Amino acid sequence: MEVLSRNNGKHIRGIKKQLYELDGVQEYWIADLPNRVIEVYILENKRFILHSYCLEKEK
């Protein structure tokens, strides 16, 4: 799981995601703290596709 902040979004969603695809990582989770979202990607045909998306419910 990668934790996204305001400063590392391009690195996490770009370079790191591509490296994990190339390495054959089967599942990739991103915790987007600024937006209170968790994204789960799965590897299909050597590319990550968004499998699920969970948004924190407002109180």
N, C-alpha and C. Protein backbone atom coordinates (compact mmCIF):
# COMPACT_ATOMS: atom_id res chain seq x y z
N MET A 1 0.85 -1.17 0.00
CA MET A 1 0.00 0.00 0.00
C MET A 1 0.90 1.23 0.00
N GLU A 2 0.55 2.15 -0.85
CA GLU A 2 1.24 3.44 -0.92
C GLU A 2 0.34 4.50 -0.31
N VAL A 3 0.93 5.42 0.43
CA VAL A 3 0.18 6.50 1.05
C VAL A 3 0.47 7.78 0.28
N LEU A 4 -0.58 8.32 -0.29
CA LEU A 4 -0.49 9.51 -1.13
C LEU A 4 -0.62 10.76 -0.26
N SER A 5 0.23 11.73 -0.52
CA SER A 5 0.13 13.03 0.13
C SER A 5 0.08 14.09 -0.96
N ARG A 6 0.00 15.31 -0.55
CA ARG A 6 -0.05 16.39 -1.54
C ARG A 6 1.24 16.47 -2.36
N ASN A 7 2.34 15.97 -1.81
CA ASN A 7 3.64 16.13 -2.46
C ASN A 7 4.11 14.96 -3.32
N ASN A 8 3.52 13.79 -3.18
CA ASN A 8 4.07 12.62 -3.88
C ASN A 8 3.13 11.98 -4.89
N GLY A 9 2.04 12.62 -5.23
CA GLY A 9 1.04 12.04 -6.11
C GLY A 9 1.56 11.62 -7.48
N LYS A 10 2.33 12.46 -8.11
CA LYS A 10 2.86 12.13 -9.44
C LYS A 10 3.79 10.92 -9.37
N HIS A 11 4.59 10.85 -8.33
CA HIS A 11 5.53 9.73 -8.18
C HIS A 11 4.78 8.42 -7.93
N ILE A 12 3.81 8.44 -7.04
CA ILE A 12 3.05 7.24 -6.69
C ILE A 12 2.20 6.76 -7.86
N ARG A 13 1.47 7.67 -8.48
CA ARG A 13 0.54 7.28 -9.56
C ARG A 13 1.26 7.08 -10.90
N GLY A 14 2.46 7.58 -11.01
CA GLY A 14 3.20 7.47 -12.27
C GLY A 14 4.32 6.46 -12.21
N ILE A 15 5.46 6.91 -11.75
CA ILE A 15 6.68 6.09 -11.79
C ILE A 15 6.53 4.80 -11.00
N LYS A 16 6.10 4.91 -9.74
CA LYS A 16 6.02 3.72 -8.90
C LYS A 16 5.01 2.71 -9.44
N LYS A 17 3.88 3.20 -9.89
CA LYS A 17 2.85 2.32 -10.44
C LYS A 17 3.39 1.58 -11.67
N GLN A 18 4.11 2.26 -12.53
CA GLN A 18 4.69 1.63 -13.72
C GLN A 18 5.73 0.59 -13.34
N LEU A 19 6.56 0.90 -12.34
CA LEU A 19 7.57 -0.06 -11.90
C LEU A 19 6.91 -1.33 -11.35
N TYR A 20 5.85 -1.17 -10.59
CA TYR A 20 5.15 -2.34 -10.05
C TYR A 20 4.51 -3.16 -11.16
N GLU A 21 3.99 -2.50 -12.18
CA GLU A 21 3.44 -3.23 -13.33
C GLU A 21 4.53 -4.06 -13.99
N LEU A 22 5.68 -3.45 -14.24
CA LEU A 22 6.79 -4.15 -14.88
C LEU A 22 7.30 -5.32 -14.05
N ASP A 23 7.25 -5.18 -12.73
CA ASP A 23 7.70 -6.24 -11.83
C ASP A 23 6.65 -7.33 -11.63
N GLY A 24 5.45 -7.11 -12.16
CA GLY A 24 4.40 -8.13 -12.07
C GLY A 24 3.68 -8.18 -10.74
N VAL A 25 3.71 -7.07 -9.99
CA VAL A 25 2.96 -7.00 -8.73
C VAL A 25 1.48 -7.16 -9.07
N GLN A 26 0.81 -8.09 -8.39
CA GLN A 26 -0.56 -8.45 -8.75
C GLN A 26 -1.62 -7.48 -8.23
N GLU A 27 -1.32 -6.77 -7.15
CA GLU A 27 -2.31 -5.89 -6.54
C GLU A 27 -1.60 -4.65 -6.00
N TYR A 28 -2.19 -3.49 -6.18
CA TYR A 28 -1.58 -2.22 -5.79
C TYR A 28 -2.65 -1.36 -5.13
N TRP A 29 -2.41 -0.98 -3.89
CA TRP A 29 -3.34 -0.15 -3.13
C TRP A 29 -2.76 1.25 -2.97
N ILE A 30 -3.61 2.25 -3.13
CA ILE A 30 -3.22 3.63 -2.87
C ILE A 30 -4.19 4.22 -1.86
N ALA A 31 -3.63 4.72 -0.76
CA ALA A 31 -4.41 5.45 0.23
C ALA A 31 -4.20 6.93 -0.04
N ASP A 32 -5.21 7.57 -0.57
CA ASP A 32 -5.16 8.99 -0.92
C ASP A 32 -5.68 9.78 0.29
N LEU A 33 -4.76 10.16 1.17
CA LEU A 33 -5.16 10.82 2.42
C LEU A 33 -5.83 12.18 2.21
N PRO A 34 -5.32 13.03 1.32
CA PRO A 34 -5.97 14.33 1.14
C PRO A 34 -7.44 14.22 0.72
N ASN A 35 -7.76 13.20 -0.09
CA ASN A 35 -9.14 13.04 -0.57
C ASN A 35 -9.91 11.96 0.19
N ARG A 36 -9.25 11.31 1.18
CA ARG A 36 -9.88 10.29 2.03
C ARG A 36 -10.44 9.14 1.20
N VAL A 37 -9.60 8.62 0.30
CA VAL A 37 -10.00 7.57 -0.65
C VAL A 37 -8.97 6.44 -0.61
N ILE A 38 -9.44 5.22 -0.79
CA ILE A 38 -8.56 4.08 -1.01
C ILE A 38 -8.90 3.49 -2.37
N GLU A 39 -7.87 3.29 -3.20
CA GLU A 39 -8.03 2.70 -4.53
C GLU A 39 -7.29 1.38 -4.55
N VAL A 40 -7.92 0.38 -5.14
CA VAL A 40 -7.28 -0.93 -5.28
C VAL A 40 -7.20 -1.27 -6.76
N TYR A 41 -5.98 -1.53 -7.22
CA TYR A 41 -5.73 -1.88 -8.61
C TYR A 41 -5.29 -3.34 -8.69
N ILE A 42 -5.70 -4.03 -9.76
CA ILE A 42 -5.21 -5.38 -10.00
C ILE A 42 -4.54 -5.42 -11.36
N LEU A 43 -3.59 -6.32 -11.48
CA LEU A 43 -2.82 -6.43 -12.72
C LEU A 43 -3.56 -7.33 -13.71
N GLU A 44 -3.82 -6.81 -14.89
CA GLU A 44 -4.42 -7.57 -15.99
C GLU A 44 -3.67 -7.23 -17.26
N ASN A 45 -3.16 -8.26 -17.91
CA ASN A 45 -2.40 -8.07 -19.14
C ASN A 45 -1.26 -7.07 -18.96
N LYS A 46 -0.57 -7.20 -17.83
CA LYS A 46 0.61 -6.39 -17.51
C LYS A 46 0.31 -4.92 -17.25
N ARG A 47 -0.97 -4.60 -17.00
CA ARG A 47 -1.37 -3.22 -16.69
C ARG A 47 -2.31 -3.24 -15.49
N PHE A 48 -2.22 -2.21 -14.66
CA PHE A 48 -3.13 -2.09 -13.53
C PHE A 48 -4.45 -1.52 -13.99
N ILE A 49 -5.52 -2.13 -13.51
CA ILE A 49 -6.86 -1.58 -13.73
C ILE A 49 -7.49 -1.34 -12.35
N LEU A 50 -8.30 -0.31 -12.27
CA LEU A 50 -8.96 0.00 -11.00
C LEU A 50 -9.98 -1.08 -10.71
N HIS A 51 -9.80 -1.75 -9.59
CA HIS A 51 -10.69 -2.84 -9.17
C HIS A 51 -11.77 -2.33 -8.22
N SER A 52 -11.37 -1.50 -7.26
CA SER A 52 -12.35 -0.94 -6.33
C SER A 52 -11.87 0.41 -5.80
N TYR A 53 -12.84 1.13 -5.30
CA TYR A 53 -12.63 2.51 -4.90
C TYR A 53 -13.49 2.74 -3.66
N CYS A 54 -12.89 3.17 -2.58
CA CYS A 54 -13.63 3.36 -1.34
C CYS A 54 -13.43 4.79 -0.84
N LEU A 55 -14.52 5.50 -0.70
CA LEU A 55 -14.49 6.89 -0.25
C LEU A 55 -15.06 6.96 1.16
N GLU A 56 -14.37 7.67 2.04
CA GLU A 56 -14.85 7.79 3.41
C GLU A 56 -16.18 8.53 3.44
N LYS A 57 -17.11 7.97 4.15
CA LYS A 57 -18.42 8.59 4.30
C LYS A 57 -18.31 9.79 5.25
N GLU A 58 -18.90 10.89 4.87
CA GLU A 58 -18.86 12.09 5.72
C GLU A 58 -19.74 11.86 6.94
N LYS A 59 -19.28 12.42 8.05
CA LYS A 59 -20.03 12.26 9.32
C LYS A 59 -21.04 13.35 9.50
